[in-house]
Amino acid sequence: MDRDNSSVNSYNHSVSLLERKTLVITGVKKIENFDNLHFLLETTMGHMIIKGEELELIKLDTLAGNVTIKGSINSINYVLTDSKKNSEESMFSRLFK
C-alpha cells in the first residue's frame, strides 16, 4: 500500500467500529503486517495496532486509503514514538509478545 506521502497526507483519518465486529479505517498509508490476531497499520495520524481474534481483511482501497477489518476487535492503539527506527523495533516487540 505504498503511495506518495503528499497525496495521502490530504486524507482524513477516521475509525468506525460497529458492534466490535467490523472496523472501518480511513487515512491508511500502509499495512505493515497482519494476521488473524493483530494488524499493524501506518495511518496519516501515526502507527496503529489492532488486536483481536479471527481478524480478517475484508476491504482494501489503496487509492482512497480505506481498510475494513472483520473479527472480534479487542483493542485499538496508536503508537507514539520519538524516532522511526526505535518505534518500529518497539512496535514489533510489543506486537508479537
N, C-alpha and C. Protein backbone atom coordinates (compact mmCIF):
# COMPACT_ATOMS: atom_id res chain seq x y z
N MET A 1 0.81 -1.19 0.00
CA MET A 1 0.00 0.00 0.00
C MET A 1 0.85 1.25 0.00
N ASP A 2 2.05 1.20 -0.54
CA ASP A 2 2.90 2.38 -0.59
C ASP A 2 2.34 3.37 -1.58
N ARG A 3 2.30 4.62 -1.17
CA ARG A 3 1.84 5.69 -2.04
C ARG A 3 2.64 6.93 -1.76
N ASP A 4 2.49 7.91 -2.62
CA ASP A 4 3.13 9.20 -2.44
C ASP A 4 2.58 9.86 -1.18
N ASN A 5 3.45 10.22 -0.24
CA ASN A 5 3.01 10.79 1.04
C ASN A 5 2.24 12.08 0.88
N SER A 6 2.55 12.90 -0.14
CA SER A 6 1.86 14.17 -0.31
C SER A 6 0.38 13.97 -0.59
N SER A 7 0.03 12.94 -1.36
CA SER A 7 -1.39 12.70 -1.65
C SER A 7 -2.10 12.07 -0.46
N VAL A 8 -1.42 11.21 0.30
CA VAL A 8 -2.04 10.55 1.44
C VAL A 8 -2.27 11.52 2.59
N ASN A 9 -1.35 12.46 2.79
CA ASN A 9 -1.48 13.40 3.90
C ASN A 9 -2.73 14.25 3.81
N SER A 10 -3.31 14.38 2.63
CA SER A 10 -4.53 15.16 2.49
C SER A 10 -5.77 14.38 2.90
N TYR A 11 -5.64 13.06 3.10
CA TYR A 11 -6.77 12.24 3.50
C TYR A 11 -7.09 12.45 4.98
N ASN A 12 -8.36 12.44 5.28
CA ASN A 12 -8.79 12.49 6.67
C ASN A 12 -8.65 11.10 7.27
N HIS A 13 -8.39 11.07 8.56
CA HIS A 13 -8.27 9.79 9.27
C HIS A 13 -9.48 9.63 10.17
N SER A 14 -10.14 8.48 10.06
CA SER A 14 -11.25 8.19 10.95
C SER A 14 -11.28 6.70 11.23
N VAL A 15 -11.90 6.37 12.37
CA VAL A 15 -12.04 4.98 12.78
C VAL A 15 -13.50 4.78 13.17
N SER A 16 -14.13 3.77 12.58
CA SER A 16 -15.52 3.46 12.87
C SER A 16 -15.62 1.98 13.26
N LEU A 17 -16.12 1.73 14.46
CA LEU A 17 -16.25 0.37 14.97
C LEU A 17 -17.73 0.06 15.17
N LEU A 18 -18.20 -1.00 14.52
CA LEU A 18 -19.59 -1.40 14.61
C LEU A 18 -19.70 -2.72 15.37
N GLU A 19 -20.31 -2.67 16.55
CA GLU A 19 -20.57 -3.84 17.39
C GLU A 19 -19.32 -4.68 17.67
N ARG A 20 -18.17 -4.05 17.73
CA ARG A 20 -16.87 -4.71 17.98
C ARG A 20 -16.58 -5.82 16.97
N LYS A 21 -17.24 -5.78 15.81
CA LYS A 21 -17.05 -6.83 14.82
C LYS A 21 -16.56 -6.31 13.48
N THR A 22 -16.88 -5.08 13.15
CA THR A 22 -16.48 -4.51 11.87
C THR A 22 -15.79 -3.17 12.13
N LEU A 23 -14.56 -3.06 11.64
CA LEU A 23 -13.76 -1.86 11.84
C LEU A 23 -13.45 -1.25 10.48
N VAL A 24 -13.83 0.02 10.29
CA VAL A 24 -13.55 0.73 9.05
C VAL A 24 -12.60 1.87 9.38
N ILE A 25 -11.45 1.91 8.71
CA ILE A 25 -10.42 2.92 8.97
C ILE A 25 -10.13 3.66 7.67
N THR A 26 -10.11 4.98 7.74
CA THR A 26 -9.72 5.79 6.59
C THR A 26 -8.39 6.47 6.90
N GLY A 27 -7.71 6.94 5.87
CA GLY A 27 -6.43 7.60 6.05
C GLY A 27 -5.29 6.62 6.28
N VAL A 28 -5.42 5.41 5.75
CA VAL A 28 -4.38 4.39 5.91
C VAL A 28 -3.34 4.56 4.80
N LYS A 29 -2.09 4.71 5.21
CA LYS A 29 -0.98 4.83 4.25
C LYS A 29 -0.48 3.46 3.83
N LYS A 30 -0.36 2.56 4.82
CA LYS A 30 0.31 1.29 4.56
C LYS A 30 -0.11 0.26 5.60
N ILE A 31 -0.28 -0.99 5.16
CA ILE A 31 -0.46 -2.10 6.08
C ILE A 31 0.91 -2.72 6.27
N GLU A 32 1.46 -2.58 7.48
CA GLU A 32 2.80 -3.08 7.77
C GLU A 32 2.81 -4.60 7.91
N ASN A 33 1.83 -5.12 8.65
CA ASN A 33 1.81 -6.55 8.95
C ASN A 33 0.41 -6.90 9.46
N PHE A 34 -0.01 -8.14 9.21
CA PHE A 34 -1.28 -8.58 9.80
C PHE A 34 -1.37 -10.10 9.82
N ASP A 35 -2.14 -10.59 10.77
CA ASP A 35 -2.52 -11.99 10.84
C ASP A 35 -3.90 -12.04 11.49
N ASN A 36 -4.34 -13.21 11.94
CA ASN A 36 -5.69 -13.31 12.48
C ASN A 36 -5.82 -12.76 13.91
N LEU A 37 -4.71 -12.33 14.53
CA LEU A 37 -4.75 -11.77 15.88
C LEU A 37 -4.34 -10.29 15.95
N HIS A 38 -3.56 -9.80 14.97
CA HIS A 38 -3.01 -8.44 15.01
C HIS A 38 -3.01 -7.79 13.63
N PHE A 39 -3.18 -6.49 13.62
CA PHE A 39 -2.95 -5.68 12.41
C PHE A 39 -2.06 -4.52 12.82
N LEU A 40 -1.06 -4.22 12.03
CA LEU A 40 -0.20 -3.06 12.24
C LEU A 40 -0.32 -2.19 11.00
N LEU A 41 -0.90 -0.99 11.19
CA LEU A 41 -1.16 -0.07 10.08
C LEU A 41 -0.41 1.23 10.28
N GLU A 42 0.01 1.84 9.18
CA GLU A 42 0.53 3.20 9.23
C GLU A 42 -0.57 4.09 8.68
N THR A 43 -1.03 5.03 9.51
CA THR A 43 -2.10 5.95 9.10
C THR A 43 -1.53 7.36 9.02
N THR A 44 -2.35 8.27 8.56
CA THR A 44 -1.92 9.67 8.49
C THR A 44 -1.73 10.28 9.87
N MET A 45 -2.23 9.62 10.90
CA MET A 45 -2.09 10.11 12.28
C MET A 45 -1.11 9.27 13.09
N GLY A 46 -0.34 8.40 12.46
CA GLY A 46 0.64 7.57 13.15
C GLY A 46 0.33 6.09 13.00
N HIS A 47 1.19 5.28 13.61
CA HIS A 47 1.01 3.84 13.55
C HIS A 47 -0.12 3.40 14.48
N MET A 48 -0.84 2.39 14.04
CA MET A 48 -1.99 1.89 14.79
C MET A 48 -1.87 0.37 14.89
N ILE A 49 -2.13 -0.15 16.09
CA ILE A 49 -2.15 -1.59 16.31
C ILE A 49 -3.56 -2.01 16.68
N ILE A 50 -4.08 -2.98 15.96
CA ILE A 50 -5.40 -3.53 16.24
C ILE A 50 -5.20 -4.97 16.69
N LYS A 51 -5.79 -5.32 17.83
CA LYS A 51 -5.70 -6.69 18.35
C LYS A 51 -7.09 -7.27 18.47
N GLY A 52 -7.18 -8.57 18.24
CA GLY A 52 -8.47 -9.23 18.34
C GLY A 52 -8.33 -10.71 18.05
N GLU A 53 -9.44 -11.31 17.67
CA GLU A 53 -9.49 -12.73 17.35
C GLU A 53 -10.20 -12.91 16.02
N GLU A 54 -9.72 -13.86 15.23
CA GLU A 54 -10.30 -14.17 13.93
C GLU A 54 -10.40 -12.93 13.04
N LEU A 55 -9.37 -12.08 13.08
CA LEU A 55 -9.37 -10.87 12.27
C LEU A 55 -9.09 -11.21 10.81
N GLU A 56 -9.79 -10.54 9.92
CA GLU A 56 -9.54 -10.72 8.50
C GLU A 56 -9.76 -9.41 7.76
N LEU A 57 -8.95 -9.22 6.74
CA LEU A 57 -9.03 -8.04 5.89
C LEU A 57 -10.17 -8.25 4.90
N ILE A 58 -11.20 -7.42 5.00
CA ILE A 58 -12.38 -7.58 4.14
C ILE A 58 -12.28 -6.68 2.92
N LYS A 59 -11.87 -5.43 3.12
CA LYS A 59 -11.82 -4.48 2.01
C LYS A 59 -10.55 -3.65 2.12
N LEU A 60 -9.90 -3.45 0.98
CA LEU A 60 -8.70 -2.64 0.91
C LEU A 60 -8.81 -1.73 -0.31
N ASP A 61 -8.88 -0.43 -0.08
CA ASP A 61 -8.92 0.55 -1.16
C ASP A 61 -7.64 1.36 -1.07
N THR A 62 -6.65 1.00 -1.88
CA THR A 62 -5.33 1.65 -1.80
C THR A 62 -5.36 3.08 -2.30
N LEU A 63 -6.24 3.40 -3.22
CA LEU A 63 -6.29 4.78 -3.74
C LEU A 63 -6.86 5.74 -2.72
N ALA A 64 -7.90 5.33 -2.02
CA ALA A 64 -8.53 6.21 -1.04
C ALA A 64 -7.95 6.03 0.36
N GLY A 65 -7.20 4.95 0.59
CA GLY A 65 -6.63 4.71 1.91
C GLY A 65 -7.62 4.16 2.90
N ASN A 66 -8.56 3.36 2.44
CA ASN A 66 -9.60 2.79 3.30
C ASN A 66 -9.36 1.30 3.53
N VAL A 67 -9.58 0.86 4.77
CA VAL A 67 -9.41 -0.54 5.13
C VAL A 67 -10.62 -0.96 5.97
N THR A 68 -11.14 -2.16 5.70
CA THR A 68 -12.21 -2.73 6.52
C THR A 68 -11.72 -4.07 7.06
N ILE A 69 -11.84 -4.23 8.38
CA ILE A 69 -11.40 -5.43 9.08
C ILE A 69 -12.60 -6.02 9.82
N LYS A 70 -12.77 -7.34 9.72
CA LYS A 70 -13.84 -8.02 10.46
C LYS A 70 -13.23 -9.01 11.42
N GLY A 71 -13.93 -9.25 12.50
CA GLY A 71 -13.50 -10.19 13.53
C GLY A 71 -13.91 -9.66 14.88
N SER A 72 -13.40 -10.25 15.93
CA SER A 72 -13.67 -9.79 17.29
C SER A 72 -12.58 -8.81 17.70
N ILE A 73 -12.89 -7.51 17.70
CA ILE A 73 -11.92 -6.45 17.99
C ILE A 73 -11.78 -6.30 19.50
N ASN A 74 -10.55 -6.47 20.01
CA ASN A 74 -10.30 -6.32 21.44
C ASN A 74 -9.66 -4.99 21.80
N SER A 75 -8.79 -4.46 20.93
CA SER A 75 -8.15 -3.19 21.24
C SER A 75 -7.68 -2.48 19.97
N ILE A 76 -7.65 -1.15 20.08
CA ILE A 76 -7.12 -0.28 19.02
C ILE A 76 -6.19 0.70 19.72
N ASN A 77 -4.92 0.70 19.32
CA ASN A 77 -3.93 1.56 19.96
C ASN A 77 -3.13 2.33 18.93
N TYR A 78 -2.82 3.58 19.26
CA TYR A 78 -1.87 4.37 18.47
C TYR A 78 -0.53 4.29 19.16
N VAL A 79 0.53 4.23 18.37
CA VAL A 79 1.88 4.11 18.90
C VAL A 79 2.56 5.46 18.78
N LEU A 80 2.96 6.04 19.92
CA LEU A 80 3.67 7.31 19.94
C LEU A 80 5.15 7.03 20.16
N THR A 81 6.00 7.56 19.27
CA THR A 81 7.43 7.32 19.39
C THR A 81 8.21 8.56 19.01
N ASP A 82 9.50 8.59 19.42
CA ASP A 82 10.38 9.70 19.10
C ASP A 82 11.10 9.50 17.78
N SER A 83 11.60 8.30 17.53
CA SER A 83 12.32 8.05 16.28
C SER A 83 11.71 6.86 15.57
N LYS A 84 11.73 6.90 14.26
CA LYS A 84 11.08 5.86 13.47
C LYS A 84 11.74 4.50 13.68
N LYS A 85 13.06 4.45 13.71
CA LYS A 85 13.75 3.16 13.87
C LYS A 85 13.41 2.52 15.20
N ASN A 86 13.49 3.29 16.27
CA ASN A 86 13.16 2.75 17.59
C ASN A 86 11.70 2.36 17.67
N SER A 87 10.84 3.12 16.99
CA SER A 87 9.41 2.82 17.04
C SER A 87 9.10 1.51 16.35
N GLU A 88 9.75 1.25 15.21
CA GLU A 88 9.49 0.00 14.51
C GLU A 88 9.93 -1.20 15.34
N GLU A 89 11.09 -1.09 15.98
CA GLU A 89 11.56 -2.18 16.82
C GLU A 89 10.63 -2.40 18.01
N SER A 90 10.24 -1.32 18.67
CA SER A 90 9.39 -1.46 19.85
C SER A 90 7.98 -1.92 19.47
N MET A 91 7.46 -1.46 18.33
CA MET A 91 6.14 -1.89 17.89
C MET A 91 6.11 -3.38 17.65
N PHE A 92 7.12 -3.87 16.94
CA PHE A 92 7.14 -5.29 16.64
C PHE A 92 7.36 -6.12 17.89
N SER A 93 8.18 -5.64 18.81
CA SER A 93 8.40 -6.40 20.04
C SER A 93 7.14 -6.44 20.88
N ARG A 94 6.38 -5.33 20.95
CA ARG A 94 5.14 -5.32 21.70
C ARG A 94 4.04 -6.10 20.99
N LEU A 95 4.06 -6.03 19.68
CA LEU A 95 3.01 -6.69 18.91
C LEU A 95 3.09 -8.20 19.00
N PHE A 96 4.30 -8.73 19.02
CA PHE A 96 4.47 -10.18 18.99
C PHE A 96 4.99 -10.75 20.30
N LYS A 97 4.56 -10.18 21.43
CA LYS A 97 4.93 -10.72 22.74
C LYS A 97 4.29 -12.05 22.96
